[in-house]
């Protein structure tokens, strides 16, 4: 996460910085919903945030991810990682939220822990858990402890904050029986590394920066493995080859650029590493049965 990305986030969303701890390993901040209302229109745009974000919220709102629209009401907790692209909107005048923002360096501290072994951060999607009133109050207590330590001068507050954040994560994961039995293997680790590498390649695509490569051999090389071995791992876990996953990710990104930016089809083709616009149009038609323009106006 570049410092420039952090600055852009604060410039767009935050009224003022609050007690940022420069001495921490990595970046951490604690904010309230009232701090994040500098530009509500920015919240409503589909975009990535340069943080791992945990939001404990109360009220009515809508999240729009890359693939679905999620309406929430009452008590909820929302997790997102830097690869998750989403928009947020609320018209609830009584809406409340407490937010923990941190990068990977802060959450890992001095350990080599892979955050993507945590089920809530595995799918590049928002993870939203509805809470009972008692669960909300218990999590509020943990968030309040984080806020207190964030403002304190205790020399070991960084470790305390990190511990409380993982208390929040594990509290929520234990509520969800569908993820309690999630297991990690070395093969799963390679799959996660591939997906993370792929996401980083797509993270900063814009009209001035293009996808570095759409070749399976490039991504295999980044992981110090062969395409054949990577294909074997991915076929076992997902039934898909490396090439298929890359192509699906290209279509996903193309749809976002078509629907949520003003880039022309020619510019999008360039962003996605196609040498000719016609090559992109033919690829898109083969994959979706439609054309880029048809999708844009649909």
Protein backbone atom coordinates (compact mmCIF):
# COMPACT_ATOMS: atom_id res chain seq x y z
CA UNK A 1 0.00 0.00 0.00
CA UNK A 2 1.66 3.22 -1.17
CA UNK A 3 1.66 6.37 0.93
CA UNK A 4 0.02 8.14 -2.03
CA UNK A 5 -2.93 5.71 -1.88
CA UNK A 6 -3.38 6.49 1.82
CA UNK A 7 -3.27 10.23 1.15
CA UNK A 8 -5.83 9.92 -1.64
CA UNK A 9 -8.17 8.02 0.69
CA UNK A 10 -7.92 10.66 3.41
CA UNK A 11 -8.31 13.49 0.92
CA UNK A 12 -11.48 11.93 -0.48
CA UNK A 13 -13.17 10.55 2.61
CA UNK A 14 -11.87 11.90 5.91
CA UNK A 15 -12.51 15.33 7.41
CA UNK A 16 -9.21 15.28 9.31
CA UNK A 17 -6.61 12.79 10.45
CA UNK A 18 -7.06 11.61 13.97
CA UNK A 19 -4.08 10.70 16.11
CA UNK A 20 -2.18 8.76 13.46
CA UNK A 21 0.59 6.76 15.10
CA UNK A 22 3.67 7.18 12.93
CA UNK A 23 5.71 4.89 15.18
CA UNK A 24 3.55 1.85 14.40
CA UNK A 25 4.73 -0.93 12.11
CA UNK A 26 2.57 -0.19 9.10
CA UNK A 27 -0.55 1.96 9.08
CA UNK A 28 -3.45 1.95 11.54
CA UNK A 29 -6.27 4.36 12.23
CA UNK A 30 -9.54 4.32 14.16
CA UNK A 31 -12.40 6.39 12.76
CA UNK A 32 -16.08 7.01 13.36
CA UNK A 33 -18.74 7.38 10.67
CA UNK A 34 -18.88 11.11 11.38
CA UNK A 35 -15.20 11.33 10.35
CA UNK A 36 -15.89 9.68 6.98
CA UNK A 37 -18.56 12.02 5.61
CA UNK A 38 -16.26 14.53 3.93
CA UNK A 39 -17.55 13.52 0.50
CA UNK A 40 -20.43 11.05 0.48
CA UNK A 41 -20.32 10.91 -3.32
CA UNK A 42 -16.86 9.34 -3.06
CA UNK A 43 -18.31 6.59 -0.83
CA UNK A 44 -20.87 5.80 -3.51
CA UNK A 45 -18.29 5.12 -6.21
CA UNK A 46 -17.20 1.52 -6.82
CA UNK A 47 -13.55 1.51 -5.77
CA UNK A 48 -10.93 -0.21 -3.69
CA UNK A 49 -9.84 1.16 -0.33
CA UNK A 50 -6.10 0.86 0.41
CA UNK A 51 -6.69 -0.91 3.73
CA UNK A 52 -7.98 -3.91 5.52
CA UNK A 53 -11.12 -2.39 6.96
CA UNK A 54 -13.37 -3.63 9.76
CA UNK A 55 -16.60 -1.69 10.22
CA UNK A 56 -18.99 -2.18 13.13
CA UNK A 57 -22.18 -0.48 12.03
CA UNK A 58 -25.72 0.18 13.18
CA UNK A 59 -28.44 1.35 10.80
CA UNK A 60 -29.73 1.00 7.25
CA UNK A 61 -27.30 1.10 4.33
CA UNK A 62 -26.37 -0.55 1.05
CA UNK A 63 -23.07 -2.01 -0.09
CA UNK A 64 -22.42 -2.58 -3.78
CA UNK A 65 -19.64 -5.06 -4.54
CA UNK A 66 -18.39 -6.03 -7.98
CA UNK A 67 -21.02 -8.75 -8.25
CA UNK A 68 -23.93 -7.95 -5.97
CA UNK A 69 -25.89 -5.36 -4.03
CA UNK A 70 -26.24 -5.98 -0.29
CA UNK A 71 -28.76 -4.13 1.86
CA UNK A 72 -28.08 -4.14 5.59
CA UNK A 73 -30.21 -3.12 8.54
CA UNK A 74 -29.72 -3.15 12.29
CA UNK A 75 -26.42 -4.43 13.68
CA UNK A 76 -23.68 -5.66 11.31
CA UNK A 77 -19.95 -6.05 11.04
CA UNK A 78 -18.24 -5.69 7.67
CA UNK A 79 -14.76 -6.87 6.66
CA UNK A 80 -12.92 -5.90 3.47
CA UNK A 81 -9.36 -6.25 2.23
CA UNK A 82 -7.44 -3.94 -0.14
CA UNK A 83 -8.45 -6.05 -3.14
CA UNK A 84 -12.20 -5.77 -2.50
CA UNK A 85 -13.91 -3.21 -4.71
CA UNK A 86 -17.15 -1.81 -3.30
CA UNK A 87 -19.37 1.24 -2.89
CA UNK A 88 -21.38 2.35 0.14
CA UNK A 89 -24.54 4.41 0.50
CA UNK A 90 -26.84 5.32 3.37
CA UNK A 91 -29.73 7.73 3.82
CA UNK A 92 -30.13 6.80 7.47
CA UNK A 93 -29.68 9.97 9.54
CA UNK A 94 -29.09 7.83 12.65
CA UNK A 95 -26.46 5.61 11.04
CA UNK A 96 -23.47 4.86 13.29
CA UNK A 97 -20.16 3.20 12.56
CA UNK A 98 -16.79 2.47 14.11
CA UNK A 99 -13.94 1.67 11.72
CA UNK A 100 -10.51 0.05 12.08
CA UNK A 101 -8.26 0.75 9.07
CA UNK A 102 -4.93 -1.02 8.78
CA UNK A 103 -2.52 -2.32 6.18
CA UNK A 104 -0.99 -5.77 5.98
CA UNK A 105 2.26 -4.66 7.65
CA UNK A 106 0.40 -3.52 10.74
CA UNK A 107 -1.78 -6.64 11.04
CA UNK A 108 1.17 -8.97 10.57
CA UNK A 109 3.47 -7.08 12.91
CA UNK A 110 6.74 -8.99 13.15
CA UNK A 111 5.17 -12.35 12.25
CA UNK A 112 4.99 -14.10 8.86
CA UNK A 113 1.28 -14.82 9.24
CA UNK A 114 -0.63 -14.97 5.93
CA UNK A 115 -3.80 -12.92 6.39
CA UNK A 116 -5.48 -14.71 3.49
CA UNK A 117 -5.59 -17.91 5.52
CA UNK A 118 -8.38 -16.16 7.43
CA UNK A 119 -11.71 -17.10 5.79
CA UNK A 120 -13.10 -13.56 6.07
CA UNK A 121 -10.32 -12.28 3.78
CA UNK A 122 -10.17 -15.08 1.20
CA UNK A 123 -12.60 -14.15 -1.56
CA UNK A 124 -11.88 -10.52 -2.51
CA UNK A 125 -15.48 -9.82 -1.54
CA UNK A 126 -17.06 -8.02 1.35
CA UNK A 127 -17.72 -10.26 4.32
CA UNK A 128 -20.83 -9.05 6.16
CA UNK A 129 -22.17 -10.66 9.32
CA UNK A 130 -25.49 -9.71 10.86
CA UNK A 131 -25.34 -9.46 14.65
CA UNK A 132 -27.72 -9.79 17.53
CA UNK A 133 -27.93 -6.90 19.97
CA UNK A 134 -25.81 -8.80 22.53
CA UNK A 135 -23.16 -9.64 19.92
CA UNK A 136 -23.10 -6.02 18.78
CA UNK A 137 -22.56 -4.82 22.34
CA UNK A 138 -19.75 -7.34 22.93
CA UNK A 139 -17.98 -6.22 19.76
CA UNK A 140 -18.60 -2.58 20.68
CA UNK A 141 -16.66 -3.23 23.87
CA UNK A 142 -13.69 -4.52 21.84
CA UNK A 143 -13.85 -1.54 19.47
CA UNK A 144 -14.00 0.83 22.43
CA UNK A 145 -10.84 -0.79 23.83
CA UNK A 146 -9.13 -0.27 20.48
CA UNK A 147 -10.19 3.38 20.42
CA UNK A 148 -8.92 3.95 23.98
CA UNK A 149 -5.53 2.39 23.21
CA UNK A 150 -5.29 4.31 19.95
CA UNK A 151 -5.49 7.54 21.95
CA UNK A 152 -3.23 6.38 24.76
CA UNK A 153 0.50 6.93 25.22
CA UNK A 154 1.17 3.41 26.46
CA UNK A 155 4.41 2.29 24.75
CA UNK A 156 3.01 -1.16 23.88
CA UNK A 157 -0.36 0.04 22.60
CA UNK A 158 0.40 -1.19 19.08
CA UNK A 159 0.50 -4.80 20.28
CA UNK A 160 -2.67 -4.29 22.32
CA UNK A 161 -4.53 -2.85 19.33
CA UNK A 162 -3.37 -5.68 17.08
CA UNK A 163 -4.48 -8.26 19.66
CA UNK A 164 -7.92 -6.66 20.01
CA UNK A 165 -8.34 -6.62 16.22
CA UNK A 166 -7.66 -10.35 16.07
CA UNK A 167 -10.07 -10.82 18.98
CA UNK A 168 -12.70 -9.16 16.76
CA UNK A 169 -11.79 -11.33 13.76
CA UNK A 170 -11.92 -14.59 15.68
CA UNK A 171 -15.09 -13.61 17.54
CA UNK A 172 -16.87 -13.12 14.22
CA UNK A 173 -15.42 -16.21 12.53
CA UNK A 174 -16.60 -18.35 15.45
CA UNK A 175 -20.14 -17.06 14.82
CA UNK A 176 -20.10 -18.42 11.27
CA UNK A 177 -20.29 -22.21 11.21
CA UNK A 178 -19.68 -22.29 7.44
CA UNK A 179 -16.09 -21.10 7.86
CA UNK A 180 -15.08 -22.73 11.11
CA UNK A 181 -13.72 -25.82 9.34
CA UNK A 182 -11.68 -23.92 6.76
CA UNK A 183 -8.27 -25.56 6.34
CA UNK A 184 -5.04 -24.42 4.76
CA UNK A 185 -2.60 -26.69 2.90
CA UNK A 186 0.58 -25.99 0.97
CA UNK A 187 -1.38 -26.35 -2.27
CA UNK A 188 -4.01 -23.97 -0.97
CA UNK A 189 -1.20 -21.58 -0.12
CA UNK A 190 0.04 -21.65 -3.72
CA UNK A 191 -3.48 -21.02 -4.97
CA UNK A 192 -3.82 -18.07 -2.58
CA UNK A 193 -0.46 -16.68 -3.69
CA UNK A 194 -1.56 -16.90 -7.32
CA UNK A 195 -4.87 -15.15 -6.65
CA UNK A 196 -3.14 -12.47 -4.61
CA UNK A 197 -0.52 -11.93 -7.32
CA UNK A 198 -3.28 -11.73 -9.92
CA UNK A 199 -5.20 -9.18 -7.86
CA UNK A 200 -2.15 -7.01 -7.36
CA UNK A 201 -1.64 -7.00 -11.12
CA UNK A 202 -5.18 -5.65 -11.57
CA UNK A 203 -5.16 -3.32 -8.55
CA UNK A 204 -3.98 -0.09 -10.16
CA UNK A 205 -5.27 -0.38 -13.71
CA UNK A 206 -6.35 2.99 -15.09
CA UNK A 207 -6.12 5.06 -18.25
CA UNK A 208 -2.38 5.55 -17.70
CA UNK A 209 -1.36 2.17 -16.30
CA UNK A 210 -2.10 -1.14 -17.99
CA UNK A 211 -2.19 -4.76 -16.86
CA UNK A 212 1.41 -5.97 -16.83
CA UNK A 213 0.61 -9.37 -18.38
CA UNK A 214 -2.22 -11.78 -19.10
CA UNK A 215 0.07 -14.75 -19.69
CA UNK A 216 -0.08 -17.80 -17.36
CA UNK A 217 3.70 -18.16 -17.65
CA UNK A 218 4.20 -14.67 -16.18
CA UNK A 219 2.20 -15.49 -13.04
CA UNK A 220 3.77 -18.93 -12.67
CA UNK A 221 7.17 -17.27 -12.89
CA UNK A 222 6.22 -14.80 -10.17
CA UNK A 223 5.50 -17.80 -7.91
CA UNK A 224 8.66 -19.69 -8.87
CA UNK A 225 6.66 -22.59 -10.27
CA UNK A 226 5.65 -23.93 -13.69
CA UNK A 227 2.40 -23.40 -15.53
CA UNK A 228 1.80 -27.17 -15.50
CA UNK A 229 2.15 -27.35 -11.70
CA UNK A 230 0.00 -24.27 -11.17
CA UNK A 231 -2.64 -25.70 -13.51
CA UNK A 232 -2.66 -28.94 -11.53
CA UNK A 233 -3.20 -27.11 -8.22
CA UNK A 234 -5.90 -24.83 -9.60
CA UNK A 235 -7.70 -27.65 -11.43
CA UNK A 236 -7.84 -29.63 -8.19
CA UNK A 237 -9.26 -26.77 -6.13
CA UNK A 238 -11.45 -24.95 -8.64
CA UNK A 239 -11.72 -27.12 -11.73
CA UNK A 240 -10.21 -24.27 -13.78
CA UNK A 241 -6.86 -23.72 -15.46
CA UNK A 242 -4.62 -20.72 -14.88
CA UNK A 243 -5.60 -19.36 -18.27
CA UNK A 244 -9.33 -19.66 -17.52
CA UNK A 245 -9.01 -17.82 -14.20
CA UNK A 246 -7.00 -15.02 -15.81
CA UNK A 247 -9.55 -14.69 -18.61
CA UNK A 248 -12.44 -14.57 -16.13
CA UNK A 249 -10.61 -11.89 -14.16
CA UNK A 250 -10.07 -9.85 -17.34
CA UNK A 251 -13.81 -9.98 -18.08
CA UNK A 252 -14.60 -8.99 -14.50
CA UNK A 253 -12.29 -5.98 -14.73
CA UNK A 254 -13.56 -5.08 -18.19
CA UNK A 255 -17.13 -5.00 -16.88
CA UNK A 256 -16.14 -2.71 -14.02
CA UNK A 257 -14.31 -0.34 -16.37
CA UNK A 258 -17.20 -0.37 -18.83
CA UNK A 259 -19.88 0.26 -16.22
CA UNK A 260 -18.10 2.55 -13.78
CA UNK A 261 -15.60 4.62 -15.79
CA UNK A 262 -15.73 6.86 -18.84
CA UNK A 263 -12.82 5.06 -20.56
CA UNK A 264 -13.46 4.22 -24.20
CA UNK A 265 -13.44 0.62 -25.41
CA UNK A 266 -10.09 1.33 -27.07
CA UNK A 267 -8.65 2.64 -23.78
CA UNK A 268 -10.01 -0.35 -21.87
CA UNK A 269 -8.47 -2.72 -24.41
CA UNK A 270 -5.10 -1.02 -23.84
CA UNK A 271 -5.53 -1.19 -20.03
CA UNK A 272 -6.14 -4.94 -20.24
CA UNK A 273 -3.02 -5.58 -22.35
CA UNK A 274 -4.66 -6.12 -25.73
CA UNK A 275 -2.57 -4.88 -28.65
CA UNK A 276 -5.62 -4.13 -30.80
CA UNK A 277 -9.14 -3.03 -29.86
CA UNK A 278 -10.56 -5.67 -32.21
CA UNK A 279 -8.69 -8.40 -30.32
CA UNK A 280 -10.33 -7.25 -27.08
CA UNK A 281 -13.78 -7.06 -28.67
CA UNK A 282 -13.46 -10.56 -30.12
CA UNK A 283 -12.20 -11.92 -26.79
CA UNK A 284 -15.07 -10.27 -24.91
CA UNK A 285 -17.63 -11.65 -27.37
CA UNK A 286 -16.23 -15.20 -27.07
CA UNK A 287 -16.28 -15.07 -23.29
CA UNK A 288 -19.66 -13.40 -22.72
CA UNK A 289 -21.66 -13.77 -25.91
CA UNK A 290 -22.08 -9.99 -25.98
CA UNK A 291 -20.05 -6.93 -26.94
CA UNK A 292 -18.41 -4.36 -24.67
CA UNK A 293 -20.70 -1.58 -25.93
CA UNK A 294 -23.81 -3.74 -25.41
CA UNK A 295 -22.77 -4.38 -21.81
CA UNK A 296 -22.05 -0.70 -21.20
CA UNK A 297 -25.48 0.46 -22.31
CA UNK A 298 -27.42 -2.45 -20.76
